[in-house]
PDB file of N, CA and C in Angstrom:
ATOM      1  N   UNK A   1     220.446 173.321   7.193  1.00  0.00           N
ATOM      2  CA  UNK A   1     219.136 173.764   7.583  1.00  0.00           C
ATOM      3  C   UNK A   1     218.087 172.811   7.019  1.00  0.00           C
ATOM      4  N   UNK A   2     217.134 172.381   7.842  1.00  0.00           N
ATOM      5  CA  UNK A   2     216.129 171.425   7.404  1.00  0.00           C
ATOM      6  C   UNK A   2     214.990 172.130   6.665  1.00  0.00           C
ATOM      7  N   UNK A   3     214.416 171.400   5.740  1.00  0.00           N
ATOM      8  CA  UNK A   3     213.283 171.913   4.986  1.00  0.00           C
ATOM      9  C   UNK A   3     212.028 171.734   5.818  1.00  0.00           C
ATOM     10  N   UNK A   4     211.361 172.822   6.179  1.00  0.00           N
ATOM     11  CA  UNK A   4     210.164 172.752   7.011  1.00  0.00           C
ATOM     12  C   UNK A   4     208.906 172.505   6.195  1.00  0.00           C
ATOM     13  N   UNK A   5     208.989 172.551   4.919  1.00  0.00           N
ATOM     14  CA  UNK A   5     207.807 172.305   4.106  1.00  0.00           C
ATOM     15  C   UNK A   5     206.947 173.551   3.958  1.00  0.00           C
ATOM     16  N   UNK A   6     205.894 173.394   3.164  1.00  0.00           N
ATOM     17  CA  UNK A   6     205.008 174.518   2.897  1.00  0.00           C
ATOM     18  C   UNK A   6     203.574 174.222   3.304  1.00  0.00           C
ATOM     19  N   UNK A   7     203.343 173.086   3.944  1.00  0.00           N
ATOM     20  CA  UNK A   7     201.990 172.683   4.311  1.00  0.00           C
ATOM     21  C   UNK A   7     201.740 172.939   5.793  1.00  0.00           C
ATOM     22  N   UNK A   8     200.601 173.553   6.096  1.00  0.00           N
ATOM     23  CA  UNK A   8     200.157 173.729   7.476  1.00  0.00           C
ATOM     24  C   UNK A   8     198.830 172.996   7.600  1.00  0.00           C
ATOM     25  N   UNK A   9     198.706 172.150   8.626  1.00  0.00           N
ATOM     26  CA  UNK A   9     197.502 171.356   8.845  1.00  0.00           C
ATOM     27  C   UNK A   9     196.734 171.952  10.020  1.00  0.00           C
ATOM     28  N   UNK A  10     195.434 172.145   9.826  1.00  0.00           N
ATOM     29  CA  UNK A  10     194.533 172.593  10.893  1.00  0.00           C
ATOM     30  C   UNK A  10     193.554 171.452  11.162  1.00  0.00           C
ATOM     31  N   UNK A  11     193.613 170.900  12.361  1.00  0.00           N
ATOM     32  CA  UNK A  11     192.810 169.745  12.754  1.00  0.00           C
ATOM     33  C   UNK A  11     191.774 170.215  13.766  1.00  0.00           C
ATOM     34  N   UNK A  12     190.508 170.212  13.377  1.00  0.00           N
ATOM     35  CA  UNK A  12     189.421 170.617  14.263  1.00  0.00           C
ATOM     36  C   UNK A  12     188.831 169.360  14.890  1.00  0.00           C
ATOM     37  N   UNK A  13     189.175 169.112  16.143  1.00  0.00           N
ATOM     38  CA  UNK A  13     188.782 167.871  16.800  1.00  0.00           C
ATOM     39  C   UNK A  13     187.275 167.697  16.888  1.00  0.00           C
ATOM     40  N   UNK A  14     186.535 168.762  17.056  1.00  0.00           N
ATOM     41  CA  UNK A  14     185.087 168.650  17.179  1.00  0.00           C
ATOM     42  C   UNK A  14     184.476 168.034  15.921  1.00  0.00           C
ATOM     43  N   UNK A  15     184.826 168.540  14.771  1.00  0.00           N
ATOM     44  CA  UNK A  15     184.294 168.000  13.518  1.00  0.00           C
ATOM     45  C   UNK A  15     184.760 166.576  13.264  1.00  0.00           C
ATOM     46  N   UNK A  16     186.032 166.315  13.515  1.00  0.00           N
ATOM     47  CA  UNK A  16     186.567 164.971  13.299  1.00  0.00           C
ATOM     48  C   UNK A  16     185.904 163.985  14.254  1.00  0.00           C
ATOM     49  N   UNK A  17     185.779 164.374  15.533  1.00  0.00           N
ATOM     50  CA  UNK A  17     185.172 163.502  16.536  1.00  0.00           C
ATOM     51  C   UNK A  17     183.733 163.148  16.174  1.00  0.00           C
ATOM     52  N   UNK A  18     182.940 164.152  15.794  1.00  0.00           N
ATOM     53  CA  UNK A  18     181.545 163.905  15.433  1.00  0.00           C
ATOM     54  C   UNK A  18     181.438 163.022  14.188  1.00  0.00           C
ATOM     55  N   UNK A  19     182.310 163.231  13.215  1.00  0.00           N
ATOM     56  CA  UNK A  19     182.299 162.393  12.008  1.00  0.00           C
ATOM     57  C   UNK A  19     182.678 160.957  12.330  1.00  0.00           C
ATOM     58  N   UNK A  20     183.646 160.775  13.204  1.00  0.00           N
ATOM     59  CA  UNK A  20     184.037 159.423  13.607  1.00  0.00           C
ATOM     60  C   UNK A  20     182.872 158.694  14.264  1.00  0.00           C
ATOM     61  N   UNK A  21     182.176 159.395  15.152  1.00  0.00           N
ATOM     62  CA  UNK A  21     181.022 158.786  15.838  1.00  0.00           C
ATOM     63  C   UNK A  21     179.927 158.418  14.843  1.00  0.00           C
ATOM     64  N   UNK A  22     179.641 159.325  13.924  1.00  0.00           N
ATOM     65  CA  UNK A  22     178.568 159.107  12.959  1.00  0.00           C
ATOM     66  C   UNK A  22     178.883 157.941  12.019  1.00  0.00           C
ATOM     67  N   UNK A  23     180.133 157.864  11.557  1.00  0.00           N
ATOM     68  CA  UNK A  23     180.520 156.857  10.567  1.00  0.00           C
ATOM     69  C   UNK A  23     181.065 155.575  11.180  1.00  0.00           C
ATOM     70  N   UNK A  24     181.339 155.609  12.490  1.00  0.00           N
ATOM     71  CA  UNK A  24     181.897 154.427  13.143  1.00  0.00           C
ATOM     72  C   UNK A  24     183.367 154.214  12.834  1.00  0.00           C
ATOM     73  N   UNK A  25     184.074 155.252  12.506  1.00  0.00           N
ATOM     74  CA  UNK A  25     185.498 155.167  12.192  1.00  0.00           C
ATOM     75  C   UNK A  25     186.331 155.505  13.408  1.00  0.00           C
ATOM     76  N   UNK A  26     187.609 155.160  13.345  1.00  0.00           N
ATOM     77  CA  UNK A  26     188.612 155.591  14.315  1.00  0.00           C
ATOM     78  C   UNK A  26     189.808 156.092  13.511  1.00  0.00           C
ATOM     79  N   UNK A  27     190.300 157.264  13.843  1.00  0.00           N
ATOM     80  CA  UNK A  27     191.441 157.836  13.120  1.00  0.00           C
ATOM     81  C   UNK A  27     192.702 157.628  13.943  1.00  0.00           C
ATOM     82  N   UNK A  28     193.697 157.036  13.313  1.00  0.00           N
ATOM     83  CA  UNK A  28     195.013 156.852  13.921  1.00  0.00           C
ATOM     84  C   UNK A  28     195.839 158.090  13.559  1.00  0.00           C
ATOM     85  N   UNK A  29     196.162 158.916  14.555  1.00  0.00           N
ATOM     86  CA  UNK A  29     196.845 160.185  14.258  1.00  0.00           C
ATOM     87  C   UNK A  29     198.248 159.967  13.701  1.00  0.00           C
ATOM     88  N   UNK A  30     198.886 158.857  14.053  1.00  0.00           N
ATOM     89  CA  UNK A  30     200.205 158.550  13.491  1.00  0.00           C
ATOM     90  C   UNK A  30     200.080 158.275  11.987  1.00  0.00           C
ATOM     91  N   UNK A  31     199.088 157.486  11.604  1.00  0.00           N
ATOM     92  CA  UNK A  31     198.869 157.194  10.188  1.00  0.00           C
ATOM     93  C   UNK A  31     198.427 158.439   9.430  1.00  0.00           C
ATOM     94  N   UNK A  32     197.601 159.257  10.084  1.00  0.00           N
ATOM     95  CA  UNK A  32     197.160 160.506   9.461  1.00  0.00           C
ATOM     96  C   UNK A  32     198.356 161.407   9.156  1.00  0.00           C
ATOM     97  N   UNK A  33     199.237 161.559  10.129  1.00  0.00           N
ATOM     98  CA  UNK A  33     200.411 162.403   9.906  1.00  0.00           C
ATOM     99  C   UNK A  33     201.289 161.834   8.800  1.00  0.00           C
ATOM    100  N   UNK A  34     201.461 160.517   8.795  1.00  0.00           N
ATOM    101  CA  UNK A  34     202.272 159.874   7.755  1.00  0.00           C
ATOM    102  C   UNK A  34     201.659 160.114   6.376  1.00  0.00           C
ATOM    103  N   UNK A  35     200.352 159.950   6.270  1.00  0.00           N
ATOM    104  CA  UNK A  35     199.678 160.135   4.979  1.00  0.00           C
ATOM    105  C   UNK A  35     199.763 161.581   4.496  1.00  0.00           C
ATOM    106  N   UNK A  36     199.554 162.519   5.395  1.00  0.00           N
ATOM    107  CA  UNK A  36     199.605 163.929   5.000  1.00  0.00           C
ATOM    108  C   UNK A  36     201.001 164.364   4.591  1.00  0.00           C
ATOM    109  N   UNK A  37     202.016 163.743   5.150  1.00  0.00           N
ATOM    110  CA  UNK A  37     203.389 164.150   4.840  1.00  0.00           C
ATOM    111  C   UNK A  37     203.970 163.430   3.622  1.00  0.00           C
ATOM    112  N   UNK A  38     203.213 162.547   3.006  1.00  0.00           N
ATOM    113  CA  UNK A  38     203.711 161.852   1.800  1.00  0.00           C
ATOM    114  C   UNK A  38     203.969 162.805   0.648  1.00  0.00           C
ATOM    115  N   UNK A  39     203.153 163.856   0.552  1.00  0.00           N
ATOM    116  CA  UNK A  39     203.283 164.798  -0.562  1.00  0.00           C
ATOM    117  C   UNK A  39     204.299 165.902  -0.286  1.00  0.00           C
ATOM    118  N   UNK A  40     204.876 165.907   0.899  1.00  0.00           N
ATOM    119  CA  UNK A  40     205.861 166.916   1.250  1.00  0.00           C
ATOM    120  C   UNK A  40     205.882 167.140   2.751  1.00  0.00           C
ATOM    121  N   UNK A  41     206.917 167.761   3.199  1.00  0.00           N
ATOM    122  CA  UNK A  41     207.088 168.008   4.614  1.00  0.00           C
ATOM    123  C   UNK A  41     206.032 168.972   5.131  1.00  0.00           C
ATOM    124  N   UNK A  42     205.501 168.667   6.309  1.00  0.00           N
ATOM    125  CA  UNK A  42     204.507 169.524   6.940  1.00  0.00           C
ATOM    126  C   UNK A  42     205.226 170.564   7.790  1.00  0.00           C
ATOM    127  N   UNK A  43     204.890 171.817   7.590  1.00  0.00           N
ATOM    128  CA  UNK A  43     205.483 172.909   8.360  1.00  0.00           C
ATOM    129  C   UNK A  43     205.056 172.812   9.820  1.00  0.00           C
ATOM    130  N   UNK A  44     203.732 172.758  10.037  1.00  0.00           N
ATOM    131  CA  UNK A  44     203.203 172.694  11.400  1.00  0.00           C
ATOM    132  C   UNK A  44     201.803 172.115  11.347  1.00  0.00           C
ATOM    133  N   UNK A  45     201.419 171.392  12.396  1.00  0.00           N
ATOM    134  CA  UNK A  45     200.052 170.902  12.549  1.00  0.00           C
ATOM    135  C   UNK A  45     199.450 171.549  13.781  1.00  0.00           C
ATOM    136  N   UNK A  46     198.307 172.175  13.604  1.00  0.00           N
ATOM    137  CA  UNK A  46     197.575 172.798  14.706  1.00  0.00           C
ATOM    138  C   UNK A  46     196.354 171.950  15.028  1.00  0.00           C
ATOM    139  N   UNK A  47     196.217 171.573  16.286  1.00  0.00           N
ATOM    140  CA  UNK A  47     195.116 170.743  16.750  1.00  0.00           C
ATOM    141  C   UNK A  47     194.243 171.573  17.678  1.00  0.00           C
ATOM    142  N   UNK A  48     192.979 171.780  17.291  1.00  0.00           N
ATOM    143  CA  UNK A  48     192.050 172.577  18.081  1.00  0.00           C
ATOM    144  C   UNK A  48     191.033 171.661  18.747  1.00  0.00           C
ATOM    145  N   UNK A  49     190.836 171.854  20.060  1.00  0.00           N
ATOM    146  CA  UNK A  49     189.878 171.039  20.792  1.00  0.00           C
ATOM    147  C   UNK A  49     189.285 171.842  21.941  1.00  0.00           C
ATOM    148  N   UNK A  50     188.150 171.367  22.427  1.00  0.00           N
ATOM    149  CA  UNK A  50     187.507 171.957  23.598  1.00  0.00           C
ATOM    150  C   UNK A  50     187.386 170.876  24.670  1.00  0.00           C
ATOM    151  N   UNK A  51     187.587 171.261  25.913  1.00  0.00           N
ATOM    152  CA  UNK A  51     187.521 170.294  27.010  1.00  0.00           C
ATOM    153  C   UNK A  51     186.487 170.713  28.044  1.00  0.00           C
ATOM    154  N   UNK A  52     185.952 169.713  28.712  1.00  0.00           N
ATOM    155  CA  UNK A  52     185.019 169.959  29.804  1.00  0.00           C
ATOM    156  C   UNK A  52     185.811 170.407  31.027  1.00  0.00           C
ATOM    157  N   UNK A  53     185.107 170.925  31.993  1.00  0.00           N
ATOM    158  CA  UNK A  53     185.766 171.351  33.234  1.00  0.00           C
ATOM    159  C   UNK A  53     185.245 170.488  34.368  1.00  0.00           C
ATOM    160  N   UNK A  54     186.035 169.691  35.019  1.00  0.00           N
ATOM    161  CA  UNK A  54     187.464 169.480  34.780  1.00  0.00           C
ATOM    162  C   UNK A  54     187.682 168.552  33.578  1.00  0.00           C
ATOM    163  N   UNK A  55     188.837 168.663  32.932  1.00  0.00           N
ATOM    164  CA  UNK A  55     189.108 167.803  31.772  1.00  0.00           C
ATOM    165  C   UNK A  55     189.256 166.341  32.193  1.00  0.00           C
ATOM    166  N   UNK A  56     188.860 165.446  31.315  1.00  0.00           N
ATOM    167  CA  UNK A  56     189.007 164.013  31.584  1.00  0.00           C
ATOM    168  C   UNK A  56     190.475 163.622  31.443  1.00  0.00           C
ATOM    169  N   UNK A  57     190.885 162.656  32.230  1.00  0.00           N
ATOM    170  CA  UNK A  57     192.270 162.188  32.251  1.00  0.00           C
ATOM    171  C   UNK A  57     192.714 161.703  30.865  1.00  0.00           C
ATOM    172  N   UNK A  58     191.857 160.930  30.197  1.00  0.00           N
ATOM    173  CA  UNK A  58     192.194 160.393  28.876  1.00  0.00           C
ATOM    174  C   UNK A  58     192.394 161.513  27.856  1.00  0.00           C
ATOM    175  N   UNK A  59     191.554 162.552  27.935  1.00  0.00           N
ATOM    176  CA  UNK A  59     191.709 163.697  27.025  1.00  0.00           C
ATOM    177  C   UNK A  59     193.057 164.360  27.235  1.00  0.00           C
ATOM    178  N   UNK A  60     193.377 164.629  28.492  1.00  0.00           N
ATOM    179  CA  UNK A  60     194.626 165.312  28.822  1.00  0.00           C
ATOM    180  C   UNK A  60     195.825 164.522  28.311  1.00  0.00           C
ATOM    181  N   UNK A  61     195.810 163.205  28.520  1.00  0.00           N
ATOM    182  CA  UNK A  61     196.920 162.363  28.050  1.00  0.00           C
ATOM    183  C   UNK A  61     197.029 162.377  26.529  1.00  0.00           C
ATOM    184  N   UNK A  62     195.899 162.345  25.849  1.00  0.00           N
ATOM    185  CA  UNK A  62     195.909 162.364  24.392  1.00  0.00           C
ATOM    186  C   UNK A  62     196.507 163.669  23.870  1.00  0.00           C
ATOM    187  N   UNK A  63     196.088 164.786  24.448  1.00  0.00           N
ATOM    188  CA  UNK A  63     196.603 166.083  24.000  1.00  0.00           C
ATOM    189  C   UNK A  63     198.101 166.214  24.294  1.00  0.00           C
ATOM    190  N   UNK A  64     198.542 165.685  25.416  1.00  0.00           N
ATOM    191  CA  UNK A  64     199.973 165.711  25.744  1.00  0.00           C
ATOM    192  C   UNK A  64     200.768 164.862  24.752  1.00  0.00           C
ATOM    193  N   UNK A  65     200.218 163.712  24.348  1.00  0.00           N
ATOM    194  CA  UNK A  65     200.886 162.858  23.365  1.00  0.00           C
ATOM    195  C   UNK A  65     201.027 163.583  22.035  1.00  0.00           C
ATOM    196  N   UNK A  66     199.957 164.275  21.602  1.00  0.00           N
ATOM    197  CA  UNK A  66     200.029 165.023  20.342  1.00  0.00           C
ATOM    198  C   UNK A  66     201.134 166.071  20.400  1.00  0.00           C
ATOM    199  N   UNK A  67     201.221 166.738  21.526  1.00  0.00           N
ATOM    200  CA  UNK A  67     202.203 167.812  21.683  1.00  0.00           C
ATOM    201  C   UNK A  67     203.626 167.279  21.808  1.00  0.00           C
ATOM    202  N   UNK A  68     203.819 166.267  22.635  1.00  0.00           N
ATOM    203  CA  UNK A  68     205.172 165.792  22.932  1.00  0.00           C
ATOM    204  C   UNK A  68     205.728 164.809  21.916  1.00  0.00           C
ATOM    205  N   UNK A  69     204.910 163.903  21.414  1.00  0.00           N
ATOM    206  CA  UNK A  69     205.416 162.880  20.482  1.00  0.00           C
ATOM    207  C   UNK A  69     205.314 163.295  19.026  1.00  0.00           C
ATOM    208  N   UNK A  70     204.180 163.900  18.655  1.00  0.00           N
ATOM    209  CA  UNK A  70     203.995 164.287  17.255  1.00  0.00           C
ATOM    210  C   UNK A  70     204.405 165.729  16.979  1.00  0.00           C
ATOM    211  N   UNK A  71     204.643 166.483  18.055  1.00  0.00           N
ATOM    212  CA  UNK A  71     205.058 167.888  17.941  1.00  0.00           C
ATOM    213  C   UNK A  71     203.983 168.756  17.303  1.00  0.00           C
ATOM    214  N   UNK A  72     202.722 168.403  17.547  1.00  0.00           N
ATOM    215  CA  UNK A  72     201.608 169.225  17.073  1.00  0.00           C
ATOM    216  C   UNK A  72     201.415 170.367  18.043  1.00  0.00           C
ATOM    217  N   UNK A  73     201.017 171.497  17.506  1.00  0.00           N
ATOM    218  CA  UNK A  73     200.671 172.645  18.347  1.00  0.00           C
ATOM    219  C   UNK A  73     199.223 172.453  18.784  1.00  0.00           C
ATOM    220  N   UNK A  74     199.013 172.272  20.075  1.00  0.00           N
ATOM    221  CA  UNK A  74     197.657 172.023  20.566  1.00  0.00           C
ATOM    222  C   UNK A  74     197.048 173.309  21.117  1.00  0.00           C
ATOM    223  N   UNK A  75     195.825 173.598  20.680  1.00  0.00           N
ATOM    224  CA  UNK A  75     195.079 174.765  21.145  1.00  0.00           C
ATOM    225  C   UNK A  75     193.830 174.215  21.836  1.00  0.00           C
ATOM    226  N   UNK A  76     193.868 174.228  23.165  1.00  0.00           N
ATOM    227  CA  UNK A  76     192.787 173.645  23.954  1.00  0.00           C
ATOM    228  C   UNK A  76     191.994 174.776  24.610  1.00  0.00           C
ATOM    229  N   UNK A  77     190.703 174.791  24.341  1.00  0.00           N
ATOM    230  CA  UNK A  77     189.823 175.839  24.860  1.00  0.00           C
ATOM    231  C   UNK A  77     188.751 175.206  25.744  1.00  0.00           C
ATOM    232  N   UNK A  78     188.182 175.976  26.679  1.00  0.00           N
ATOM    233  CA  UNK A  78     187.089 175.423  27.486  1.00  0.00           C
ATOM    234  C   UNK A  78     185.851 175.201  26.627  1.00  0.00           C
ATOM    235  N   UNK A  79     185.142 174.124  26.908  1.00  0.00           N
ATOM    236  CA  UNK A  79     183.930 173.811  26.180  1.00  0.00           C
ATOM    237  C   UNK A  79     182.886 174.882  26.475  1.00  0.00           C
ATOM    238  N   UNK A  80     182.327 175.439  25.444  1.00  0.00           N
ATOM    239  CA  UNK A  80     181.333 176.502  25.617  1.00  0.00           C
ATOM    240  C   UNK A  80     180.001 175.951  26.108  1.00  0.00           C
ATOM    241  N   UNK A  81     179.291 176.779  26.778  1.00  0.00           N
ATOM    242  CA  UNK A  81     177.945 176.395  27.205  1.00  0.00           C
ATOM    243  C   UNK A  81     177.011 177.573  26.953  1.00  0.00           C
ATOM    244  N   UNK A  82     175.770 177.260  26.776  1.00  0.00           N
ATOM    245  CA  UNK A  82     174.799 178.299  26.466  1.00  0.00           C
ATOM    246  C   UNK A  82     173.549 178.032  27.287  1.00  0.00           C
ATOM    247  N   UNK A  83     173.067 179.052  27.939  1.00  0.00           N
ATOM    248  CA  UNK A  83     171.830 178.935  28.705  1.00  0.00           C
ATOM    249  C   UNK A  83     170.671 179.392  27.840  1.00  0.00           C
ATOM    250  N   UNK A  84     169.698 178.519  27.710  1.00  0.00           N
ATOM    251  CA  UNK A  84     168.520 178.839  26.912  1.00  0.00           C
ATOM    252  C   UNK A  84     167.339 178.935  27.863  1.00  0.00           C
ATOM    253  N   UNK A  85     166.636 180.045  27.789  1.00  0.00           N
ATOM    254  CA  UNK A  85     165.474 180.248  28.637  1.00  0.00           C
ATOM    255  C   UNK A  85     164.208 180.241  27.772  1.00  0.00           C
ATOM    256  N   UNK A  86     163.246 179.559  28.288  1.00  0.00           N
ATOM    257  CA  UNK A  86     161.943 179.483  27.602  1.00  0.00           C
ATOM    258  C   UNK A  86     161.198 180.798  27.845  1.00  0.00           C
ATOM    259  N   UNK A  87     160.745 181.445  26.787  1.00  0.00           N
ATOM    260  CA  UNK A  87     160.053 182.718  26.956  1.00  0.00           C
ATOM    261  C   UNK A  87     158.638 182.524  27.480  1.00  0.00           C
ATOM    262  N   UNK A  88     158.168 181.300  27.551  1.00  0.00           N
ATOM    263  CA  UNK A  88     156.816 181.013  28.058  1.00  0.00           C
ATOM    264  C   UNK A  88     156.806 180.512  29.504  1.00  0.00           C
ATOM    265  N   UNK A  89     157.994 180.214  30.046  1.00  0.00           N
ATOM    266  CA  UNK A  89     158.064 179.680  31.417  1.00  0.00           C
ATOM    267  C   UNK A  89     158.207 180.762  32.446  1.00  0.00           C
TER     268      UNK A  89
END
């Protein structure tokens, strides 16, 4: 029986994406997984993201890669929208 580890990773794409844009960084998810697993086996990685409707092709491919190659559990939700009405208009 394999050791599944005791670490669970929660990856919030919105926060990571905004930080990357602000700082000018790019995160390599393969290197990230390697670095996180140095201290012990990771039980599961959960990746949370929101997509536009319809989703962009590049987004869909990226999420499929996370799921199929890295075996991350992907939780993809529709991007929320909010209607704001001016009380003076």
